[in-house]
Amino acid sequence: MRRGDWMQTYTGKQFWPTDPRAEDVEIRDIAHALSLMCRYNGHCLRFYSVAEHSVHIAEAAPPELKLAALLHDASEAYLADIIRPVKPFLENYSAIENRLMLMISKRFGFQWPMPDRLKQLDNAILADERDQIMATPPANWNLPEAPLGITLPCWSPAEAEIEFLHAFWKYTA
């Protein structure tokens, strides 16, 4: 008996976000969902997907962390992209997200929790995103890292899904 209720995924599977199993995780579901999710809860000047964000982090990561970098936000395909200021206030969210990421890491064979180097890259891209896709900030973002120095192409959802899957196949070959 599974705990909680299930959702239907893009590929037509049943998935229990609060009781995930590694064998239920499907890369096509992750790529598709993340390609349709806009970063910053949609508060950007142009559409910029979580899938594109993930591809850029993976490209900047060292070879041994590329797959983990690509999939560092994979849980959002099943839970949604909750903005950083809200996450700490959602009771049990961190536990649900961590359990799901453990199953995703088990399914695809990468390290979880996220290594410090990936946290640095995830923080560094915030400056690139702030400067390229956000309105002029009303206050200092107080970012802990220098920008990655990349240009964000702001792919369409279809492009982001394709690029995400290409990166996945490249890093798992």
N, C-alpha and C. Protein backbone atom coordinates (compact mmCIF):
# COMPACT_ATOMS: atom_id res chain seq x y z
N MET A 1 0.84 -1.19 0.00
CA MET A 1 0.00 0.00 0.00
C MET A 1 0.88 1.25 0.00
N ARG A 2 0.63 2.16 -0.91
CA ARG A 2 1.40 3.39 -1.02
C ARG A 2 0.82 4.47 -0.11
N ARG A 3 1.70 5.32 0.40
CA ARG A 3 1.29 6.41 1.28
C ARG A 3 0.93 7.63 0.43
N GLY A 4 -0.16 8.29 0.77
CA GLY A 4 -0.57 9.49 0.05
C GLY A 4 -1.30 9.15 -1.24
N ASP A 5 -1.50 10.17 -2.04
CA ASP A 5 -2.21 10.01 -3.30
C ASP A 5 -1.21 10.09 -4.45
N TRP A 6 -1.65 9.69 -5.62
CA TRP A 6 -0.79 9.66 -6.77
C TRP A 6 -1.17 10.77 -7.75
N MET A 7 -0.22 11.07 -8.62
CA MET A 7 -0.44 12.00 -9.72
C MET A 7 -0.17 11.25 -11.02
N GLN A 8 -0.74 11.73 -12.12
CA GLN A 8 -0.43 11.16 -13.42
C GLN A 8 0.67 11.98 -14.04
N THR A 9 1.67 11.30 -14.57
CA THR A 9 2.81 11.98 -15.19
C THR A 9 2.58 12.17 -16.69
N TYR A 10 3.48 12.92 -17.29
CA TYR A 10 3.45 13.18 -18.73
C TYR A 10 3.41 11.89 -19.54
N THR A 11 4.17 10.86 -19.11
CA THR A 11 4.21 9.60 -19.86
C THR A 11 3.05 8.67 -19.50
N GLY A 12 2.14 9.14 -18.65
CA GLY A 12 0.95 8.37 -18.31
C GLY A 12 1.10 7.44 -17.13
N LYS A 13 2.16 7.59 -16.36
CA LYS A 13 2.39 6.73 -15.20
C LYS A 13 1.70 7.29 -13.96
N GLN A 14 1.48 6.41 -13.00
CA GLN A 14 1.09 6.83 -11.65
C GLN A 14 2.38 7.12 -10.89
N PHE A 15 2.39 8.23 -10.15
CA PHE A 15 3.56 8.58 -9.36
C PHE A 15 3.09 9.12 -8.02
N TRP A 16 3.67 8.59 -6.93
CA TRP A 16 3.34 9.01 -5.58
C TRP A 16 4.44 9.96 -5.08
N PRO A 17 4.22 11.28 -5.14
CA PRO A 17 5.28 12.21 -4.74
C PRO A 17 5.70 12.09 -3.28
N THR A 18 4.79 11.67 -2.40
CA THR A 18 5.15 11.54 -0.99
C THR A 18 5.58 10.12 -0.63
N ASP A 19 5.56 9.23 -1.58
CA ASP A 19 6.02 7.86 -1.36
C ASP A 19 6.70 7.35 -2.65
N PRO A 20 7.76 8.05 -3.06
CA PRO A 20 8.38 7.72 -4.35
C PRO A 20 9.21 6.44 -4.29
N ARG A 21 9.31 5.81 -5.43
CA ARG A 21 10.20 4.66 -5.61
C ARG A 21 11.08 4.93 -6.82
N ALA A 22 12.30 4.52 -6.74
CA ALA A 22 13.25 4.78 -7.82
C ALA A 22 12.74 4.27 -9.17
N GLU A 23 12.12 3.13 -9.16
CA GLU A 23 11.66 2.54 -10.43
C GLU A 23 10.51 3.33 -11.08
N ASP A 24 9.88 4.20 -10.32
CA ASP A 24 8.78 5.01 -10.87
C ASP A 24 9.28 6.30 -11.54
N VAL A 25 10.54 6.64 -11.33
CA VAL A 25 11.10 7.89 -11.87
C VAL A 25 11.43 7.69 -13.35
N GLU A 26 10.98 8.61 -14.17
CA GLU A 26 11.16 8.53 -15.63
C GLU A 26 11.78 9.84 -16.13
N ILE A 27 12.90 9.75 -16.83
CA ILE A 27 13.60 10.95 -17.29
C ILE A 27 12.75 11.78 -18.24
N ARG A 28 11.91 11.16 -19.05
CA ARG A 28 11.06 11.93 -19.97
C ARG A 28 10.04 12.77 -19.19
N ASP A 29 9.54 12.24 -18.08
CA ASP A 29 8.63 13.02 -17.23
C ASP A 29 9.35 14.23 -16.64
N ILE A 30 10.57 14.01 -16.19
CA ILE A 30 11.35 15.10 -15.59
C ILE A 30 11.66 16.17 -16.63
N ALA A 31 12.17 15.77 -17.78
CA ALA A 31 12.54 16.72 -18.83
C ALA A 31 11.33 17.54 -19.28
N HIS A 32 10.22 16.87 -19.50
CA HIS A 32 9.02 17.56 -19.98
C HIS A 32 8.50 18.55 -18.94
N ALA A 33 8.34 18.10 -17.72
CA ALA A 33 7.80 18.98 -16.68
C ALA A 33 8.71 20.17 -16.41
N LEU A 34 10.02 19.94 -16.29
CA LEU A 34 10.94 21.05 -16.01
C LEU A 34 11.02 22.03 -17.17
N SER A 35 10.80 21.55 -18.39
CA SER A 35 10.84 22.45 -19.55
C SER A 35 9.65 23.41 -19.56
N LEU A 36 8.58 23.03 -18.90
CA LEU A 36 7.37 23.87 -18.85
C LEU A 36 7.30 24.75 -17.61
N MET A 37 8.23 24.56 -16.66
CA MET A 37 8.23 25.34 -15.41
C MET A 37 9.14 26.54 -15.55
N CYS A 38 8.58 27.71 -15.30
CA CYS A 38 9.36 28.94 -15.36
C CYS A 38 10.01 29.20 -14.01
N ARG A 39 11.29 29.55 -14.05
CA ARG A 39 12.02 29.91 -12.82
C ARG A 39 11.39 31.15 -12.20
N TYR A 40 11.69 31.35 -10.94
CA TYR A 40 11.25 32.53 -10.18
C TYR A 40 9.73 32.68 -10.15
N ASN A 41 9.05 31.54 -10.19
CA ASN A 41 7.59 31.53 -10.13
C ASN A 41 6.98 32.37 -11.25
N GLY A 42 7.72 32.49 -12.37
CA GLY A 42 7.24 33.23 -13.52
C GLY A 42 7.51 34.72 -13.48
N HIS A 43 8.19 35.20 -12.46
CA HIS A 43 8.43 36.64 -12.31
C HIS A 43 9.71 37.08 -13.03
N CYS A 44 9.87 36.66 -14.28
CA CYS A 44 11.02 37.04 -15.09
C CYS A 44 10.52 37.84 -16.29
N LEU A 45 11.44 38.51 -16.95
CA LEU A 45 11.08 39.31 -18.11
C LEU A 45 10.80 38.45 -19.34
N ARG A 46 11.40 37.26 -19.38
CA ARG A 46 11.18 36.30 -20.46
C ARG A 46 11.03 34.91 -19.83
N PHE A 47 10.39 34.02 -20.57
CA PHE A 47 10.27 32.64 -20.07
C PHE A 47 11.65 32.02 -19.98
N TYR A 48 11.93 31.44 -18.83
CA TYR A 48 13.22 30.79 -18.57
C TYR A 48 12.92 29.57 -17.70
N SER A 49 13.09 28.40 -18.27
CA SER A 49 12.66 27.18 -17.61
C SER A 49 13.67 26.62 -16.61
N VAL A 50 13.16 25.82 -15.71
CA VAL A 50 13.99 25.07 -14.77
C VAL A 50 14.89 24.10 -15.56
N ALA A 51 14.37 23.55 -16.65
CA ALA A 51 15.19 22.64 -17.48
C ALA A 51 16.40 23.37 -18.04
N GLU A 52 16.21 24.58 -18.57
CA GLU A 52 17.34 25.34 -19.11
C GLU A 52 18.34 25.67 -18.01
N HIS A 53 17.84 26.14 -16.87
CA HIS A 53 18.69 26.42 -15.71
C HIS A 53 19.56 25.19 -15.39
N SER A 54 18.95 24.03 -15.38
CA SER A 54 19.66 22.79 -15.03
C SER A 54 20.73 22.44 -16.05
N VAL A 55 20.44 22.64 -17.33
CA VAL A 55 21.43 22.38 -18.38
C VAL A 55 22.64 23.30 -18.21
N HIS A 56 22.40 24.57 -17.91
CA HIS A 56 23.52 25.51 -17.73
C HIS A 56 24.38 25.13 -16.53
N ILE A 57 23.74 24.72 -15.44
CA ILE A 57 24.51 24.28 -14.26
C ILE A 57 25.36 23.07 -14.63
N ALA A 58 24.76 22.12 -15.36
CA ALA A 58 25.49 20.91 -15.76
C ALA A 58 26.68 21.25 -16.65
N GLU A 59 26.50 22.18 -17.58
CA GLU A 59 27.60 22.56 -18.47
C GLU A 59 28.76 23.17 -17.69
N ALA A 60 28.46 23.87 -16.60
CA ALA A 60 29.50 24.53 -15.80
C ALA A 60 30.15 23.59 -14.78
N ALA A 61 29.53 22.46 -14.53
CA ALA A 61 30.00 21.52 -13.50
C ALA A 61 31.20 20.72 -13.99
N PRO A 62 32.05 20.28 -13.04
CA PRO A 62 33.15 19.38 -13.42
C PRO A 62 32.58 18.05 -13.92
N PRO A 63 33.34 17.31 -14.72
CA PRO A 63 32.83 16.08 -15.35
C PRO A 63 32.16 15.10 -14.38
N GLU A 64 32.72 14.92 -13.20
CA GLU A 64 32.16 13.93 -12.27
C GLU A 64 30.84 14.38 -11.63
N LEU A 65 30.46 15.64 -11.82
CA LEU A 65 29.23 16.16 -11.21
C LEU A 65 28.18 16.58 -12.24
N LYS A 66 28.45 16.36 -13.52
CA LYS A 66 27.54 16.85 -14.56
C LYS A 66 26.14 16.25 -14.44
N LEU A 67 26.02 14.96 -14.22
CA LEU A 67 24.69 14.36 -14.11
C LEU A 67 23.96 14.86 -12.87
N ALA A 68 24.65 14.92 -11.75
CA ALA A 68 24.03 15.45 -10.52
C ALA A 68 23.60 16.89 -10.72
N ALA A 69 24.41 17.66 -11.43
CA ALA A 69 24.07 19.06 -11.71
C ALA A 69 22.82 19.16 -12.57
N LEU A 70 22.75 18.34 -13.60
CA LEU A 70 21.59 18.35 -14.48
C LEU A 70 20.31 18.01 -13.71
N LEU A 71 20.42 17.09 -12.78
CA LEU A 71 19.23 16.59 -12.07
C LEU A 71 19.05 17.21 -10.68
N HIS A 72 19.80 18.26 -10.35
CA HIS A 72 19.73 18.82 -9.00
C HIS A 72 18.36 19.37 -8.63
N ASP A 73 17.54 19.74 -9.61
CA ASP A 73 16.18 20.23 -9.36
C ASP A 73 15.12 19.25 -9.87
N ALA A 74 15.49 18.02 -10.10
CA ALA A 74 14.56 17.04 -10.70
C ALA A 74 13.32 16.81 -9.87
N SER A 75 13.41 16.95 -8.56
CA SER A 75 12.22 16.76 -7.71
C SER A 75 11.12 17.74 -8.06
N GLU A 76 11.50 18.90 -8.61
CA GLU A 76 10.51 19.91 -8.97
C GLU A 76 9.58 19.44 -10.08
N ALA A 77 9.99 18.44 -10.84
CA ALA A 77 9.11 17.87 -11.86
C ALA A 77 7.88 17.23 -11.23
N TYR A 78 8.01 16.82 -10.00
CA TYR A 78 6.91 16.17 -9.28
C TYR A 78 6.31 17.04 -8.18
N LEU A 79 7.07 18.04 -7.70
CA LEU A 79 6.61 18.85 -6.57
C LEU A 79 6.37 20.31 -6.92
N ALA A 80 6.84 20.78 -8.05
CA ALA A 80 6.79 22.18 -8.49
C ALA A 80 8.03 22.92 -8.02
N ASP A 81 8.28 24.06 -8.64
CA ASP A 81 9.44 24.90 -8.30
C ASP A 81 8.99 25.89 -7.23
N ILE A 82 9.26 25.57 -5.99
CA ILE A 82 8.92 26.45 -4.88
C ILE A 82 10.06 27.45 -4.71
N ILE A 83 9.75 28.73 -4.67
CA ILE A 83 10.80 29.74 -4.57
C ILE A 83 11.48 29.67 -3.21
N ARG A 84 12.78 30.00 -3.20
CA ARG A 84 13.62 29.88 -2.00
C ARG A 84 13.04 30.57 -0.77
N PRO A 85 12.47 31.78 -0.89
CA PRO A 85 11.97 32.43 0.33
C PRO A 85 10.81 31.70 1.00
N VAL A 86 10.14 30.82 0.28
CA VAL A 86 8.96 30.13 0.81
C VAL A 86 9.30 28.74 1.37
N LYS A 87 10.24 28.04 0.76
CA LYS A 87 10.54 26.65 1.13
C LYS A 87 10.68 26.41 2.63
N PRO A 88 11.42 27.25 3.37
CA PRO A 88 11.60 26.96 4.81
C PRO A 88 10.31 27.00 5.63
N PHE A 89 9.28 27.62 5.07
CA PHE A 89 8.03 27.77 5.82
C PHE A 89 6.99 26.72 5.49
N LEU A 90 7.30 25.83 4.57
CA LEU A 90 6.37 24.76 4.21
C LEU A 90 6.69 23.53 5.05
N GLU A 91 5.81 23.24 5.97
CA GLU A 91 6.01 22.13 6.90
C GLU A 91 6.19 20.82 6.13
N ASN A 92 7.22 20.09 6.43
CA ASN A 92 7.56 18.78 5.84
C ASN A 92 8.03 18.85 4.39
N TYR A 93 8.06 20.03 3.78
CA TYR A 93 8.47 20.11 2.38
C TYR A 93 9.89 19.59 2.18
N SER A 94 10.80 20.01 3.02
CA SER A 94 12.20 19.57 2.88
C SER A 94 12.33 18.06 2.98
N ALA A 95 11.59 17.45 3.88
CA ALA A 95 11.65 15.99 4.03
C ALA A 95 11.09 15.29 2.80
N ILE A 96 10.00 15.81 2.25
CA ILE A 96 9.40 15.24 1.05
C ILE A 96 10.35 15.39 -0.13
N GLU A 97 10.91 16.59 -0.29
CA GLU A 97 11.83 16.86 -1.39
C GLU A 97 13.09 15.99 -1.27
N ASN A 98 13.63 15.87 -0.07
CA ASN A 98 14.84 15.07 0.12
C ASN A 98 14.60 13.59 -0.18
N ARG A 99 13.48 13.05 0.28
CA ARG A 99 13.17 11.64 -0.01
C ARG A 99 13.04 11.41 -1.51
N LEU A 100 12.38 12.34 -2.18
CA LEU A 100 12.22 12.23 -3.63
C LEU A 100 13.58 12.32 -4.34
N MET A 101 14.41 13.26 -3.91
CA MET A 101 15.74 13.38 -4.52
C MET A 101 16.59 12.14 -4.25
N LEU A 102 16.44 11.53 -3.10
CA LEU A 102 17.16 10.28 -2.83
C LEU A 102 16.75 9.19 -3.82
N MET A 103 15.45 9.11 -4.14
CA MET A 103 14.97 8.10 -5.09
C MET A 103 15.46 8.43 -6.51
N ILE A 104 15.46 9.71 -6.86
CA ILE A 104 15.94 10.12 -8.18
C ILE A 104 17.43 9.83 -8.30
N SER A 105 18.19 10.13 -7.25
CA SER A 105 19.64 9.84 -7.29
C SER A 105 19.90 8.34 -7.35
N LYS A 106 19.08 7.57 -6.66
CA LYS A 106 19.21 6.12 -6.71
C LYS A 106 18.91 5.60 -8.12
N ARG A 107 17.88 6.15 -8.74
CA ARG A 107 17.47 5.71 -10.08
C ARG A 107 18.56 5.99 -11.12
N PHE A 108 19.21 7.16 -11.00
CA PHE A 108 20.16 7.56 -12.03
C PHE A 108 21.62 7.51 -11.60
N GLY A 109 21.88 7.15 -10.34
CA GLY A 109 23.24 6.91 -9.89
C GLY A 109 24.11 8.13 -9.73
N PHE A 110 23.62 9.12 -9.01
CA PHE A 110 24.45 10.29 -8.69
C PHE A 110 24.38 10.57 -7.21
N GLN A 111 25.29 11.41 -6.74
CA GLN A 111 25.42 11.71 -5.31
C GLN A 111 24.31 12.65 -4.83
N TRP A 112 23.70 12.30 -3.73
CA TRP A 112 22.76 13.16 -3.02
C TRP A 112 22.99 12.96 -1.54
N PRO A 113 23.03 13.95 -0.70
CA PRO A 113 22.73 15.34 -0.97
C PRO A 113 23.74 15.99 -1.92
N MET A 114 23.32 17.12 -2.46
CA MET A 114 24.09 17.85 -3.45
C MET A 114 25.45 18.25 -2.87
N PRO A 115 26.53 17.94 -3.58
CA PRO A 115 27.86 18.35 -3.13
C PRO A 115 27.97 19.87 -3.05
N ASP A 116 28.86 20.35 -2.20
CA ASP A 116 29.04 21.80 -2.03
C ASP A 116 29.36 22.51 -3.34
N ARG A 117 30.13 21.86 -4.22
CA ARG A 117 30.48 22.50 -5.49
C ARG A 117 29.23 22.79 -6.32
N LEU A 118 28.23 21.90 -6.29
CA LEU A 118 27.00 22.13 -7.03
C LEU A 118 26.18 23.26 -6.39
N LYS A 119 26.20 23.33 -5.08
CA LYS A 119 25.51 24.44 -4.40
C LYS A 119 26.13 25.77 -4.82
N GLN A 120 27.46 25.80 -4.96
CA GLN A 120 28.13 27.02 -5.40
C GLN A 120 27.70 27.40 -6.81
N LEU A 121 27.65 26.43 -7.70
CA LEU A 121 27.23 26.71 -9.08
C LEU A 121 25.78 27.17 -9.13
N ASP A 122 24.93 26.53 -8.35
CA ASP A 122 23.51 26.89 -8.30
C ASP A 122 23.34 28.32 -7.77
N ASN A 123 24.18 28.72 -6.84
CA ASN A 123 24.15 30.09 -6.33
C ASN A 123 24.77 31.07 -7.33
N ALA A 124 25.82 30.66 -8.03
CA ALA A 124 26.50 31.55 -8.97
C ALA A 124 25.61 31.93 -10.14
N ILE A 125 24.82 30.99 -10.63
CA ILE A 125 23.97 31.30 -11.79
C ILE A 125 22.89 32.32 -11.44
N LEU A 126 22.59 32.48 -10.15
CA LEU A 126 21.60 33.47 -9.75
C LEU A 126 21.97 34.88 -10.23
N ALA A 127 23.25 35.21 -10.20
CA ALA A 127 23.68 36.53 -10.67
C ALA A 127 23.44 36.68 -12.17
N ASP A 128 23.75 35.64 -12.94
CA ASP A 128 23.48 35.68 -14.38
C ASP A 128 21.99 35.83 -14.64
N GLU A 129 21.19 35.08 -13.91
CA GLU A 129 19.74 35.15 -14.08
C GLU A 129 19.20 36.52 -13.67
N ARG A 130 19.66 37.03 -12.55
CA ARG A 130 19.22 38.35 -12.09
C ARG A 130 19.51 39.42 -13.15
N ASP A 131 20.71 39.38 -13.70
CA ASP A 131 21.14 40.42 -14.63
C ASP A 131 20.52 40.30 -16.02
N GLN A 132 20.07 39.09 -16.39
CA GLN A 132 19.60 38.90 -17.77
C GLN A 132 18.11 38.70 -17.92
N ILE A 133 17.43 38.21 -16.88
CA ILE A 133 16.00 37.91 -17.08
C ILE A 133 15.07 38.55 -16.05
N MET A 134 15.66 39.32 -15.13
CA MET A 134 14.83 39.94 -14.09
C MET A 134 14.81 41.46 -14.27
N ALA A 135 13.74 42.08 -13.77
CA ALA A 135 13.67 43.54 -13.75
C ALA A 135 14.77 44.05 -12.82
N THR A 136 15.04 45.35 -12.88
CA THR A 136 16.03 45.95 -11.99
C THR A 136 15.66 45.64 -10.55
N PRO A 137 16.58 45.07 -9.78
CA PRO A 137 16.25 44.66 -8.40
C PRO A 137 15.91 45.87 -7.51
N PRO A 138 14.90 45.70 -6.66
CA PRO A 138 14.54 46.77 -5.73
C PRO A 138 15.47 46.84 -4.52
N ALA A 139 16.29 45.80 -4.34
CA ALA A 139 17.23 45.72 -3.22
C ALA A 139 18.35 44.77 -3.63
N ASN A 140 19.43 44.77 -2.86
CA ASN A 140 20.56 43.90 -3.11
C ASN A 140 20.16 42.44 -2.90
N TRP A 141 20.55 41.57 -3.82
CA TRP A 141 20.26 40.14 -3.70
C TRP A 141 21.21 39.45 -2.72
N ASN A 142 22.29 40.09 -2.34
CA ASN A 142 23.25 39.51 -1.41
C ASN A 142 23.67 38.09 -1.81
N LEU A 143 24.14 37.97 -3.03
CA LEU A 143 24.52 36.66 -3.56
C LEU A 143 25.89 36.24 -3.05
N PRO A 144 26.03 34.96 -2.69
CA PRO A 144 27.29 34.48 -2.11
C PRO A 144 28.38 34.16 -3.13
N GLU A 145 28.03 34.11 -4.42
CA GLU A 145 28.99 33.70 -5.44
C GLU A 145 29.04 34.72 -6.58
N ALA A 146 30.16 34.79 -7.26
CA ALA A 146 30.29 35.59 -8.48
C ALA A 146 29.48 34.91 -9.58
N PRO A 147 29.06 35.65 -10.59
CA PRO A 147 28.29 35.04 -11.69
C PRO A 147 29.09 33.98 -12.43
N LEU A 148 28.37 33.05 -13.05
CA LEU A 148 29.03 32.07 -13.92
C LEU A 148 29.57 32.75 -15.17
N GLY A 149 28.93 33.82 -15.58
CA GLY A 149 29.37 34.53 -16.77
C GLY A 149 28.85 33.92 -18.06
N ILE A 150 27.65 33.34 -18.01
CA ILE A 150 27.06 32.71 -19.19
C ILE A 150 25.94 33.59 -19.74
N THR A 151 25.63 33.39 -21.00
CA THR A 151 24.50 34.06 -21.63
C THR A 151 23.33 33.10 -21.66
N LEU A 152 22.19 33.56 -21.19
CA LEU A 152 20.99 32.73 -21.14
C LEU A 152 20.19 32.90 -22.43
N PRO A 153 20.05 31.85 -23.24
CA PRO A 153 19.31 31.98 -24.49
C PRO A 153 17.79 32.03 -24.30
N CYS A 154 17.30 31.62 -23.14
CA CYS A 154 15.85 31.57 -22.87
C CYS A 154 15.13 30.73 -23.91
N TRP A 155 15.43 29.43 -23.88
CA TRP A 155 14.83 28.49 -24.82
C TRP A 155 13.32 28.39 -24.64
N SER A 156 12.65 28.02 -25.70
CA SER A 156 11.23 27.68 -25.61
C SER A 156 11.12 26.39 -24.81
N PRO A 157 9.94 26.05 -24.31
CA PRO A 157 9.80 24.77 -23.61
C PRO A 157 10.24 23.57 -24.46
N ALA A 158 9.89 23.58 -25.74
CA ALA A 158 10.27 22.45 -26.60
C ALA A 158 11.79 22.35 -26.73
N GLU A 159 12.46 23.49 -26.92
CA GLU A 159 13.92 23.50 -27.00
C GLU A 159 14.54 23.05 -25.69
N ALA A 160 14.01 23.53 -24.57
CA ALA A 160 14.55 23.18 -23.26
C ALA A 160 14.43 21.68 -23.00
N GLU A 161 13.31 21.10 -23.38
CA GLU A 161 13.12 19.66 -23.19
C GLU A 161 14.14 18.87 -24.00
N ILE A 162 14.34 19.25 -25.25
CA ILE A 162 15.31 18.57 -26.12
C ILE A 162 16.72 18.72 -25.57
N GLU A 163 17.11 19.94 -25.19
CA GLU A 163 18.45 20.18 -24.66
C GLU A 163 18.69 19.41 -23.36
N PHE A 164 17.68 19.35 -22.51
CA PHE A 164 17.78 18.61 -21.26
C PHE A 164 18.01 17.12 -21.54
N LEU A 165 17.22 16.55 -22.44
CA LEU A 165 17.37 15.13 -22.77
C LEU A 165 18.71 14.86 -23.45
N HIS A 166 19.15 15.75 -24.33
CA HIS A 166 20.47 15.58 -24.96
C HIS A 166 21.56 15.56 -23.89
N ALA A 167 21.47 16.49 -22.94
CA ALA A 167 22.47 16.53 -21.86
C ALA A 167 22.41 15.24 -21.05
N PHE A 168 21.22 14.77 -20.73
CA PHE A 168 21.08 13.53 -19.95
C PHE A 168 21.76 12.37 -20.68
N TRP A 169 21.47 12.21 -21.97
CA TRP A 169 22.06 11.08 -22.71
C TRP A 169 23.57 11.23 -22.81
N LYS A 170 24.04 12.46 -22.96
CA LYS A 170 25.49 12.70 -23.02
C LYS A 170 26.17 12.33 -21.70
N TYR A 171 25.56 12.69 -20.59
CA TYR A 171 26.19 12.46 -19.28
C TYR A 171 25.97 11.05 -18.75
N THR A 172 25.12 10.28 -19.39
CA THR A 172 24.91 8.89 -18.96
C THR A 172 25.47 7.88 -19.96
N ALA A 173 26.05 8.37 -21.04
CA ALA A 173 26.59 7.47 -22.09
C ALA A 173 27.83 6.74 -21.60
